[in-house]
């Protein structure tokens, strides 16, 4: 029962983080659209990488929902690792936009 509660709390937390990440990605996309033409292509590529990482995290989160207790810890670690990739990618895009 405790694993079920932990799984539900963790998945809800990750869903909220991903919703926030999608909102932040939209803001970054607006900034990319206003970037200078020569930098825009690079920024768009990094933004696409960010979207791909978010999609991968969402897929892993779906696997977590159906994971049995034996798979729970491994799958949770995969989701957390994937989320860290999303955060790093988002920071990279934001940093590059600040630089121009």
PDB file of N, CA and C in Angstrom:
ATOM      1  N   UNK A   1       0.819  -1.197   0.000  1.00  0.00           N
ATOM      2  CA  UNK A   1       0.000   0.000   0.000  1.00  0.00           C
ATOM      3  C   UNK A   1       0.861   1.258   0.000  1.00  0.00           C
ATOM      4  N   UNK A   2       1.956   1.231   0.789  1.00  0.00           N
ATOM      5  CA  UNK A   2       2.820   2.405   0.868  1.00  0.00           C
ATOM      6  C   UNK A   2       3.439   2.727  -0.489  1.00  0.00           C
ATOM      7  N   UNK A   3       3.826   1.698  -1.237  1.00  0.00           N
ATOM      8  CA  UNK A   3       4.395   1.914  -2.563  1.00  0.00           C
ATOM      9  C   UNK A   3       3.372   2.575  -3.470  1.00  0.00           C
ATOM     10  N   UNK A   4       2.119   2.169  -3.364  1.00  0.00           N
ATOM     11  CA  UNK A   4       1.061   2.769  -4.180  1.00  0.00           C
ATOM     12  C   UNK A   4       0.903   4.245  -3.861  1.00  0.00           C
ATOM     13  N   UNK A   5       0.938   4.591  -2.582  1.00  0.00           N
ATOM     14  CA  UNK A   5       0.824   5.991  -2.167  1.00  0.00           C
ATOM     15  C   UNK A   5       2.041   6.765  -2.656  1.00  0.00           C
ATOM     16  N   UNK A   6       3.240   6.199  -2.476  1.00  0.00           N
ATOM     17  CA  UNK A   6       4.454   6.859  -2.935  1.00  0.00           C
ATOM     18  C   UNK A   6       4.446   7.035  -4.449  1.00  0.00           C
ATOM     19  N   UNK A   7       3.987   6.012  -5.149  1.00  0.00           N
ATOM     20  CA  UNK A   7       3.932   6.080  -6.609  1.00  0.00           C
ATOM     21  C   UNK A   7       2.985   7.194  -7.041  1.00  0.00           C
ATOM     22  N   UNK A   8       1.825   7.254  -6.421  1.00  0.00           N
ATOM     23  CA  UNK A   8       0.849   8.284  -6.780  1.00  0.00           C
ATOM     24  C   UNK A   8       1.394   9.677  -6.498  1.00  0.00           C
ATOM     25  N   UNK A   9       1.996   9.857  -5.328  1.00  0.00           N
ATOM     26  CA  UNK A   9       2.551  11.170  -4.979  1.00  0.00           C
ATOM     27  C   UNK A   9       3.684  11.549  -5.928  1.00  0.00           C
ATOM     28  N   UNK A  10       4.546  10.598  -6.232  1.00  0.00           N
ATOM     29  CA  UNK A  10       5.662  10.871  -7.126  1.00  0.00           C
ATOM     30  C   UNK A  10       5.172  11.206  -8.530  1.00  0.00           C
ATOM     31  N   UNK A  11       4.223  10.432  -9.051  1.00  0.00           N
ATOM     32  CA  UNK A  11       3.738  10.692 -10.404  1.00  0.00           C
ATOM     33  C   UNK A  11       3.018  12.033 -10.478  1.00  0.00           C
ATOM     34  N   UNK A  12       2.257  12.390  -9.452  1.00  0.00           N
ATOM     35  CA  UNK A  12       1.593  13.697  -9.429  1.00  0.00           C
ATOM     36  C   UNK A  12       2.621  14.821  -9.419  1.00  0.00           C
ATOM     37  N   UNK A  13       3.659  14.657  -8.614  1.00  0.00           N
ATOM     38  CA  UNK A  13       4.722  15.661  -8.548  1.00  0.00           C
ATOM     39  C   UNK A  13       5.395  15.805  -9.911  1.00  0.00           C
ATOM     40  N   UNK A  14       5.721  14.685 -10.542  1.00  0.00           N
ATOM     41  CA  UNK A  14       6.393  14.735 -11.839  1.00  0.00           C
ATOM     42  C   UNK A  14       5.483  15.328 -12.911  1.00  0.00           C
ATOM     43  N   UNK A  15       4.197  15.018 -12.866  1.00  0.00           N
ATOM     44  CA  UNK A  15       3.264  15.602 -13.825  1.00  0.00           C
ATOM     45  C   UNK A  15       3.229  17.124 -13.670  1.00  0.00           C
ATOM     46  N   UNK A  16       3.222  17.597 -12.442  1.00  0.00           N
ATOM     47  CA  UNK A  16       3.215  19.040 -12.198  1.00  0.00           C
ATOM     48  C   UNK A  16       4.505  19.679 -12.711  1.00  0.00           C
ATOM     49  N   UNK A  17       5.626  19.027 -12.455  1.00  0.00           N
ATOM     50  CA  UNK A  17       6.903  19.550 -12.939  1.00  0.00           C
ATOM     51  C   UNK A  17       6.938  19.593 -14.462  1.00  0.00           C
ATOM     52  N   UNK A  18       6.404  18.572 -15.101  1.00  0.00           N
ATOM     53  CA  UNK A  18       6.374  18.545 -16.564  1.00  0.00           C
ATOM     54  C   UNK A  18       5.432  19.606 -17.123  1.00  0.00           C
ATOM     55  N   UNK A  19       4.299  19.844 -16.462  1.00  0.00           N
ATOM     56  CA  UNK A  19       3.394  20.924 -16.898  1.00  0.00           C
ATOM     57  C   UNK A  19       4.128  22.259 -16.835  1.00  0.00           C
ATOM     58  N   UNK A  20       4.846  22.484 -15.733  1.00  0.00           N
ATOM     59  CA  UNK A  20       5.616  23.714 -15.591  1.00  0.00           C
ATOM     60  C   UNK A  20       6.703  23.808 -16.660  1.00  0.00           C
ATOM     61  N   UNK A  21       7.337  22.679 -16.956  1.00  0.00           N
ATOM     62  CA  UNK A  21       8.388  22.655 -17.978  1.00  0.00           C
ATOM     63  C   UNK A  21       7.818  23.000 -19.350  1.00  0.00           C
ATOM     64  N   UNK A  22       6.636  22.494 -19.653  1.00  0.00           N
ATOM     65  CA  UNK A  22       6.002  22.821 -20.935  1.00  0.00           C
ATOM     66  C   UNK A  22       5.689  24.315 -21.013  1.00  0.00           C
ATOM     67  N   UNK A  23       5.211  24.884 -19.928  1.00  0.00           N
ATOM     68  CA  UNK A  23       4.919  26.322 -19.902  1.00  0.00           C
ATOM     69  C   UNK A  23       6.209  27.123 -20.089  1.00  0.00           C
ATOM     70  N   UNK A  24       7.264  26.710 -19.423  1.00  0.00           N
ATOM     71  CA  UNK A  24       8.548  27.397 -19.563  1.00  0.00           C
ATOM     72  C   UNK A  24       9.092  27.246 -20.980  1.00  0.00           C
ATOM     73  N   UNK A  25       8.919  26.079 -21.580  1.00  0.00           N
ATOM     74  CA  UNK A  25       9.375  25.858 -22.956  1.00  0.00           C
ATOM     75  C   UNK A  25       8.648  26.795 -23.921  1.00  0.00           C
ATOM     76  N   UNK A  26       7.369  27.049 -23.670  1.00  0.00           N
ATOM     77  CA  UNK A  26       6.622  27.987 -24.523  1.00  0.00           C
ATOM     78  C   UNK A  26       7.187  29.397 -24.400  1.00  0.00           C
ATOM     79  N   UNK A  27       7.555  29.785 -23.185  1.00  0.00           N
ATOM     80  CA  UNK A  27       8.170  31.106 -22.992  1.00  0.00           C
ATOM     81  C   UNK A  27       9.508  31.178 -23.722  1.00  0.00           C
ATOM     82  N   UNK A  28      10.287  30.115 -23.610  1.00  0.00           N
ATOM     83  CA  UNK A  28      11.580  30.071 -24.293  1.00  0.00           C
ATOM     84  C   UNK A  28      11.389  30.120 -25.808  1.00  0.00           C
ATOM     85  N   UNK A  29      10.361  29.431 -26.284  1.00  0.00           N
ATOM     86  CA  UNK A  29      10.085  29.430 -27.718  1.00  0.00           C
ATOM     87  C   UNK A  29       9.787  30.848 -28.212  1.00  0.00           C
ATOM     88  N   UNK A  30       9.041  31.608 -27.423  1.00  0.00           N
ATOM     89  CA  UNK A  30       8.748  32.996 -27.793  1.00  0.00           C
ATOM     90  C   UNK A  30      10.035  33.811 -27.857  1.00  0.00           C
ATOM     91  N   UNK A  31      10.939  33.559 -26.940  1.00  0.00           N
ATOM     92  CA  UNK A  31      12.221  34.255 -26.956  1.00  0.00           C
ATOM     93  C   UNK A  31      13.056  33.835 -28.163  1.00  0.00           C
ATOM     94  N   UNK A  32      13.023  32.552 -28.494  1.00  0.00           N
ATOM     95  CA  UNK A  32      13.757  32.055 -29.658  1.00  0.00           C
ATOM     96  C   UNK A  32      13.230  32.725 -30.920  1.00  0.00           C
ATOM     97  N   UNK A  33      11.918  32.863 -31.011  1.00  0.00           N
ATOM     98  CA  UNK A  33      11.309  33.485 -32.189  1.00  0.00           C
ATOM     99  C   UNK A  33      11.777  34.925 -32.369  1.00  0.00           C
ATOM    100  N   UNK A  34      12.161  35.578 -31.280  1.00  0.00           N
ATOM    101  CA  UNK A  34      12.603  36.966 -31.357  1.00  0.00           C
ATOM    102  C   UNK A  34      14.124  37.095 -31.429  1.00  0.00           C
ATOM    103  N   UNK A  35      14.830  35.989 -31.386  1.00  0.00           N
ATOM    104  CA  UNK A  35      16.290  36.010 -31.452  1.00  0.00           C
ATOM    105  C   UNK A  35      16.736  36.411 -32.852  1.00  0.00           C
ATOM    106  N   UNK A  36      17.975  36.864 -32.929  1.00  0.00           N
ATOM    107  CA  UNK A  36      18.541  37.220 -34.220  1.00  0.00           C
ATOM    108  C   UNK A  36      18.549  35.997 -35.127  1.00  0.00           C
ATOM    109  N   UNK A  37      18.389  36.239 -36.395  1.00  0.00           N
ATOM    110  CA  UNK A  37      18.252  35.148 -37.363  1.00  0.00           C
ATOM    111  C   UNK A  37      19.418  34.170 -37.315  1.00  0.00           C
ATOM    112  N   UNK A  38      20.637  34.666 -37.169  1.00  0.00           N
ATOM    113  CA  UNK A  38      21.793  33.766 -37.181  1.00  0.00           C
ATOM    114  C   UNK A  38      21.832  32.854 -35.963  1.00  0.00           C
ATOM    115  N   UNK A  39      21.278  33.287 -34.848  1.00  0.00           N
ATOM    116  CA  UNK A  39      21.257  32.466 -33.635  1.00  0.00           C
ATOM    117  C   UNK A  39      19.987  31.626 -33.525  1.00  0.00           C
ATOM    118  N   UNK A  40      18.962  32.025 -34.240  1.00  0.00           N
ATOM    119  CA  UNK A  40      17.660  31.377 -34.105  1.00  0.00           C
ATOM    120  C   UNK A  40      17.709  29.878 -34.405  1.00  0.00           C
ATOM    121  N   UNK A  41      18.415  29.483 -35.441  1.00  0.00           N
ATOM    122  CA  UNK A  41      18.467  28.062 -35.820  1.00  0.00           C
ATOM    123  C   UNK A  41      19.079  27.220 -34.705  1.00  0.00           C
ATOM    124  N   UNK A  42      20.149  27.717 -34.106  1.00  0.00           N
ATOM    125  CA  UNK A  42      20.784  26.989 -33.003  1.00  0.00           C
ATOM    126  C   UNK A  42      19.843  26.895 -31.816  1.00  0.00           C
ATOM    127  N   UNK A  43      19.200  27.996 -31.485  1.00  0.00           N
ATOM    128  CA  UNK A  43      18.259  28.000 -30.362  1.00  0.00           C
ATOM    129  C   UNK A  43      17.092  27.056 -30.619  1.00  0.00           C
ATOM    130  N   UNK A  44      16.608  27.046 -31.853  1.00  0.00           N
ATOM    131  CA  UNK A  44      15.497  26.153 -32.187  1.00  0.00           C
ATOM    132  C   UNK A  44      15.912  24.692 -32.061  1.00  0.00           C
ATOM    133  N   UNK A  45      17.134  24.383 -32.440  1.00  0.00           N
ATOM    134  CA  UNK A  45      17.628  23.014 -32.307  1.00  0.00           C
ATOM    135  C   UNK A  45      17.677  22.609 -30.837  1.00  0.00           C
ATOM    136  N   UNK A  46      18.182  23.495 -29.988  1.00  0.00           N
ATOM    137  CA  UNK A  46      18.257  23.185 -28.560  1.00  0.00           C
ATOM    138  C   UNK A  46      16.865  23.085 -27.940  1.00  0.00           C
ATOM    139  N   UNK A  47      15.954  23.907 -28.424  1.00  0.00           N
ATOM    140  CA  UNK A  47      14.570  23.833 -27.947  1.00  0.00           C
ATOM    141  C   UNK A  47      13.933  22.515 -28.352  1.00  0.00           C
ATOM    142  N   UNK A  48      14.237  22.031 -29.549  1.00  0.00           N
ATOM    143  CA  UNK A  48      13.718  20.728 -29.994  1.00  0.00           C
ATOM    144  C   UNK A  48      14.288  19.601 -29.140  1.00  0.00           C
ATOM    145  N   UNK A  49      15.571  19.708 -28.793  1.00  0.00           N
ATOM    146  CA  UNK A  49      16.178  18.721 -27.905  1.00  0.00           C
ATOM    147  C   UNK A  49      15.468  18.718 -26.550  1.00  0.00           C
ATOM    148  N   UNK A  50      15.132  19.896 -26.059  1.00  0.00           N
ATOM    149  CA  UNK A  50      14.404  20.013 -24.801  1.00  0.00           C
ATOM    150  C   UNK A  50      13.050  19.315 -24.909  1.00  0.00           C
ATOM    151  N   UNK A  51      12.341  19.572 -25.989  1.00  0.00           N
ATOM    152  CA  UNK A  51      11.028  18.930 -26.179  1.00  0.00           C
ATOM    153  C   UNK A  51      11.162  17.407 -26.236  1.00  0.00           C
ATOM    154  N   UNK A  52      12.195  16.928 -26.899  1.00  0.00           N
ATOM    155  CA  UNK A  52      12.417  15.482 -26.986  1.00  0.00           C
ATOM    156  C   UNK A  52      12.677  14.882 -25.613  1.00  0.00           C
ATOM    157  N   UNK A  53      13.444  15.586 -24.814  1.00  0.00           N
ATOM    158  CA  UNK A  53      13.729  15.101 -23.463  1.00  0.00           C
ATOM    159  C   UNK A  53      12.475  15.119 -22.597  1.00  0.00           C
ATOM    160  N   UNK A  54      11.624  16.133 -22.778  1.00  0.00           N
ATOM    161  CA  UNK A  54      10.362  16.159 -22.028  1.00  0.00           C
ATOM    162  C   UNK A  54       9.472  14.996 -22.443  1.00  0.00           C
ATOM    163  N   UNK A  55       9.425  14.710 -23.735  1.00  0.00           N
ATOM    164  CA  UNK A  55       8.623  13.581 -24.223  1.00  0.00           C
ATOM    165  C   UNK A  55       9.154  12.267 -23.665  1.00  0.00           C
ATOM    166  N   UNK A  56      10.465  12.127 -23.615  1.00  0.00           N
ATOM    167  CA  UNK A  56      11.065  10.907 -23.056  1.00  0.00           C
ATOM    168  C   UNK A  56      10.714  10.763 -21.581  1.00  0.00           C
ATOM    169  N   UNK A  57      10.730  11.870 -20.870  1.00  0.00           N
ATOM    170  CA  UNK A  57      10.378  11.838 -19.442  1.00  0.00           C
ATOM    171  C   UNK A  57       8.915  11.440 -19.271  1.00  0.00           C
ATOM    172  N   UNK A  58       8.049  11.977 -20.112  1.00  0.00           N
ATOM    173  CA  UNK A  58       6.633  11.623 -20.041  1.00  0.00           C
ATOM    174  C   UNK A  58       6.428  10.137 -20.322  1.00  0.00           C
ATOM    175  N   UNK A  59       7.174   9.596 -21.276  1.00  0.00           N
ATOM    176  CA  UNK A  59       7.082   8.170 -21.582  1.00  0.00           C
ATOM    177  C   UNK A  59       7.523   7.338 -20.385  1.00  0.00           C
ATOM    178  N   UNK A  60       8.618   7.724 -19.768  1.00  0.00           N
ATOM    179  CA  UNK A  60       9.110   6.994 -18.590  1.00  0.00           C
ATOM    180  C   UNK A  60       8.112   7.101 -17.436  1.00  0.00           C
ATOM    181  N   UNK A  61       7.466   8.264 -17.328  1.00  0.00           N
ATOM    182  CA  UNK A  61       6.453   8.429 -16.286  1.00  0.00           C
ATOM    183  C   UNK A  61       5.269   7.497 -16.535  1.00  0.00           C
ATOM    184  N   UNK A  62       4.894   7.314 -17.792  1.00  0.00           N
ATOM    185  CA  UNK A  62       3.831   6.359 -18.130  1.00  0.00           C
ATOM    186  C   UNK A  62       4.237   4.946 -17.738  1.00  0.00           C
ATOM    187  N   UNK A  63       5.500   4.593 -17.991  1.00  0.00           N
ATOM    188  CA  UNK A  63       5.983   3.269 -17.591  1.00  0.00           C
ATOM    189  C   UNK A  63       5.955   3.124 -16.070  1.00  0.00           C
ATOM    190  N   UNK A  64       6.251   4.205 -15.385  1.00  0.00           N
ATOM    191  CA  UNK A  64       6.238   4.167 -13.923  1.00  0.00           C
ATOM    192  C   UNK A  64       4.831   3.855 -13.402  1.00  0.00           C
ATOM    193  N   UNK A  65       3.834   4.436 -14.038  1.00  0.00           N
ATOM    194  CA  UNK A  65       2.453   4.218 -13.593  1.00  0.00           C
ATOM    195  C   UNK A  65       2.067   2.738 -13.649  1.00  0.00           C
ATOM    196  N   UNK A  66       2.627   2.037 -14.617  1.00  0.00           N
ATOM    197  CA  UNK A  66       2.263   0.626 -14.758  1.00  0.00           C
ATOM    198  C   UNK A  66       3.309  -0.317 -14.156  1.00  0.00           C
ATOM    199  N   UNK A  67       4.343   0.248 -13.552  1.00  0.00           N
ATOM    200  CA  UNK A  67       5.405  -0.586 -12.973  1.00  0.00           C
ATOM    201  C   UNK A  67       4.902  -1.314 -11.733  1.00  0.00           C
ATOM    202  N   UNK A  68       5.300  -2.563 -11.614  1.00  0.00           N
ATOM    203  CA  UNK A  68       4.971  -3.289 -10.390  1.00  0.00           C
ATOM    204  C   UNK A  68       6.003  -2.917  -9.314  1.00  0.00           C
ATOM    205  N   UNK A  69       5.800  -3.422  -8.120  1.00  0.00           N
ATOM    206  CA  UNK A  69       6.681  -3.058  -7.014  1.00  0.00           C
ATOM    207  C   UNK A  69       8.132  -3.413  -7.288  1.00  0.00           C
ATOM    208  N   UNK A  70       8.372  -4.506  -7.991  1.00  0.00           N
ATOM    209  CA  UNK A  70       9.741  -4.925  -8.288  1.00  0.00           C
ATOM    210  C   UNK A  70      10.434  -3.930  -9.229  1.00  0.00           C
ATOM    211  N   UNK A  71       9.683  -3.304 -10.105  1.00  0.00           N
ATOM    212  CA  UNK A  71      10.242  -2.363 -11.076  1.00  0.00           C
ATOM    213  C   UNK A  71      10.217  -0.912 -10.588  1.00  0.00           C
ATOM    214  N   UNK A  72       9.486  -0.642  -9.536  1.00  0.00           N
ATOM    215  CA  UNK A  72       9.232   0.716  -9.081  1.00  0.00           C
ATOM    216  C   UNK A  72      10.501   1.536  -8.875  1.00  0.00           C
ATOM    217  N   UNK A  73      11.437   1.048  -8.091  1.00  0.00           N
ATOM    218  CA  UNK A  73      12.631   1.834  -7.773  1.00  0.00           C
ATOM    219  C   UNK A  73      13.470   2.115  -9.014  1.00  0.00           C
ATOM    220  N   UNK A  74      13.649   1.095  -9.842  1.00  0.00           N
ATOM    221  CA  UNK A  74      14.433   1.279 -11.067  1.00  0.00           C
ATOM    222  C   UNK A  74      13.756   2.297 -11.985  1.00  0.00           C
ATOM    223  N   UNK A  75      12.469   2.168 -12.150  1.00  0.00           N
ATOM    224  CA  UNK A  75      11.736   3.072 -13.033  1.00  0.00           C
ATOM    225  C   UNK A  75      11.696   4.476 -12.457  1.00  0.00           C
ATOM    226  N   UNK A  76      11.556   4.588 -11.145  1.00  0.00           N
ATOM    227  CA  UNK A  76      11.563   5.901 -10.506  1.00  0.00           C
ATOM    228  C   UNK A  76      12.920   6.580 -10.744  1.00  0.00           C
ATOM    229  N   UNK A  77      13.991   5.833 -10.613  1.00  0.00           N
ATOM    230  CA  UNK A  77      15.328   6.393 -10.847  1.00  0.00           C
ATOM    231  C   UNK A  77      15.476   6.847 -12.301  1.00  0.00           C
ATOM    232  N   UNK A  78      14.912   6.094 -13.228  1.00  0.00           N
ATOM    233  CA  UNK A  78      14.961   6.476 -14.639  1.00  0.00           C
ATOM    234  C   UNK A  78      14.198   7.776 -14.876  1.00  0.00           C
ATOM    235  N   UNK A  79      13.040   7.918 -14.244  1.00  0.00           N
ATOM    236  CA  UNK A  79      12.251   9.142 -14.381  1.00  0.00           C
ATOM    237  C   UNK A  79      13.028  10.323 -13.802  1.00  0.00           C
ATOM    238  N   UNK A  80      13.610  10.134 -12.636  1.00  0.00           N
ATOM    239  CA  UNK A  80      14.370  11.213 -12.008  1.00  0.00           C
ATOM    240  C   UNK A  80      15.565  11.609 -12.870  1.00  0.00           C
ATOM    241  N   UNK A  81      16.265  10.636 -13.428  1.00  0.00           N
ATOM    242  CA  UNK A  81      17.402  10.925 -14.302  1.00  0.00           C
ATOM    243  C   UNK A  81      16.930  11.685 -15.547  1.00  0.00           C
ATOM    244  N   UNK A  82      15.848  11.240 -16.118  1.00  0.00           N
ATOM    245  CA  UNK A  82      15.294  11.884 -17.298  1.00  0.00           C
ATOM    246  C   UNK A  82      14.870  13.314 -16.978  1.00  0.00           C
ATOM    247  N   UNK A  83      14.275  13.529 -15.810  1.00  0.00           N
ATOM    248  CA  UNK A  83      13.863  14.873 -15.398  1.00  0.00           C
ATOM    249  C   UNK A  83      15.092  15.773 -15.238  1.00  0.00           C
ATOM    250  N   UNK A  84      16.166  15.236 -14.694  1.00  0.00           N
ATOM    251  CA  UNK A  84      17.392  16.026 -14.566  1.00  0.00           C
ATOM    252  C   UNK A  84      17.909  16.451 -15.938  1.00  0.00           C
ATOM    253  N   UNK A  85      17.778  15.578 -16.926  1.00  0.00           N
ATOM    254  CA  UNK A  85      18.150  15.933 -18.296  1.00  0.00           C
ATOM    255  C   UNK A  85      17.296  17.090 -18.811  1.00  0.00           C
ATOM    256  N   UNK A  86      16.008  17.056 -18.506  1.00  0.00           N
ATOM    257  CA  UNK A  86      15.102  18.134 -18.913  1.00  0.00           C
ATOM    258  C   UNK A  86      15.545  19.449 -18.271  1.00  0.00           C
ATOM    259  N   UNK A  87      15.797  19.420 -16.966  1.00  0.00           N
ATOM    260  CA  UNK A  87      16.203  20.646 -16.268  1.00  0.00           C
ATOM    261  C   UNK A  87      17.493  21.216 -16.860  1.00  0.00           C
ATOM    262  N   UNK A  88      18.466  20.354 -17.107  1.00  0.00           N
ATOM    263  CA  UNK A  88      19.739  20.819 -17.666  1.00  0.00           C
ATOM    264  C   UNK A  88      19.546  21.400 -19.062  1.00  0.00           C
ATOM    265  N   UNK A  89      18.732  20.763 -19.854  1.00  0.00           N
ATOM    266  CA  UNK A  89      18.468  21.244 -21.196  1.00  0.00           C
ATOM    267  C   UNK A  89      17.757  22.591 -21.156  1.00  0.00           C
ATOM    268  N   UNK A  90      16.805  22.740 -20.247  1.00  0.00           N
ATOM    269  CA  UNK A  90      16.082  24.000 -20.124  1.00  0.00           C
ATOM    270  C   UNK A  90      17.035  25.115 -19.691  1.00  0.00           C
ATOM    271  N   UNK A  91      17.908  24.818 -18.752  1.00  0.00           N
ATOM    272  CA  UNK A  91      18.888  25.799 -18.303  1.00  0.00           C
ATOM    273  C   UNK A  91      19.828  26.190 -19.436  1.00  0.00           C
ATOM    274  N   UNK A  92      20.195  25.230 -20.267  1.00  0.00           N
ATOM    275  CA  UNK A  92      21.083  25.484 -21.399  1.00  0.00           C
ATOM    276  C   UNK A  92      20.421  26.432 -22.389  1.00  0.00           C
ATOM    277  N   UNK A  93      19.170  26.164 -22.724  1.00  0.00           N
ATOM    278  CA  UNK A  93      18.454  27.027 -23.662  1.00  0.00           C
ATOM    279  C   UNK A  93      18.315  28.432 -23.085  1.00  0.00           C
ATOM    280  N   UNK A  94      17.907  28.525 -21.839  1.00  0.00           N
ATOM    281  CA  UNK A  94      17.725  29.834 -21.214  1.00  0.00           C
ATOM    282  C   UNK A  94      19.047  30.599 -21.161  1.00  0.00           C
ATOM    283  N   UNK A  95      20.121  29.912 -20.811  1.00  0.00           N
ATOM    284  CA  UNK A  95      21.431  30.542 -20.739  1.00  0.00           C
ATOM    285  C   UNK A  95      21.870  31.059 -22.107  1.00  0.00           C
ATOM    286  N   UNK A  96      21.689  30.263 -23.131  1.00  0.00           N
ATOM    287  CA  UNK A  96      22.082  30.682 -24.471  1.00  0.00           C
ATOM    288  C   UNK A  96      21.248  31.853 -24.970  1.00  0.00           C
ATOM    289  N   UNK A  97      19.980  31.892 -24.585  1.00  0.00           N
ATOM    290  CA  UNK A  97      19.138  33.020 -24.982  1.00  0.00           C
ATOM    291  C   UNK A  97      19.597  34.306 -24.293  1.00  0.00           C
ATOM    292  N   UNK A  98      20.034  34.185 -23.046  1.00  0.00           N
ATOM    293  CA  UNK A  98      20.521  35.373 -22.335  1.00  0.00           C
ATOM    294  C   UNK A  98      21.791  35.906 -22.993  1.00  0.00           C
ATOM    295  N   UNK A  99      22.621  34.996 -23.496  1.00  0.00           N
ATOM    296  CA  UNK A  99      23.876  35.407 -24.146  1.00  0.00           C
ATOM    297  C   UNK A  99      23.624  36.045 -25.507  1.00  0.00           C
ATOM    298  N   UNK A 100      22.498  35.661 -26.119  1.00  0.00           N
ATOM    299  CA  UNK A 100      22.173  36.211 -27.427  1.00  0.00           C
ATOM    300  C   UNK A 100      22.357  35.251 -28.456  1.00  0.00           C
TER     301      UNK A 100
END
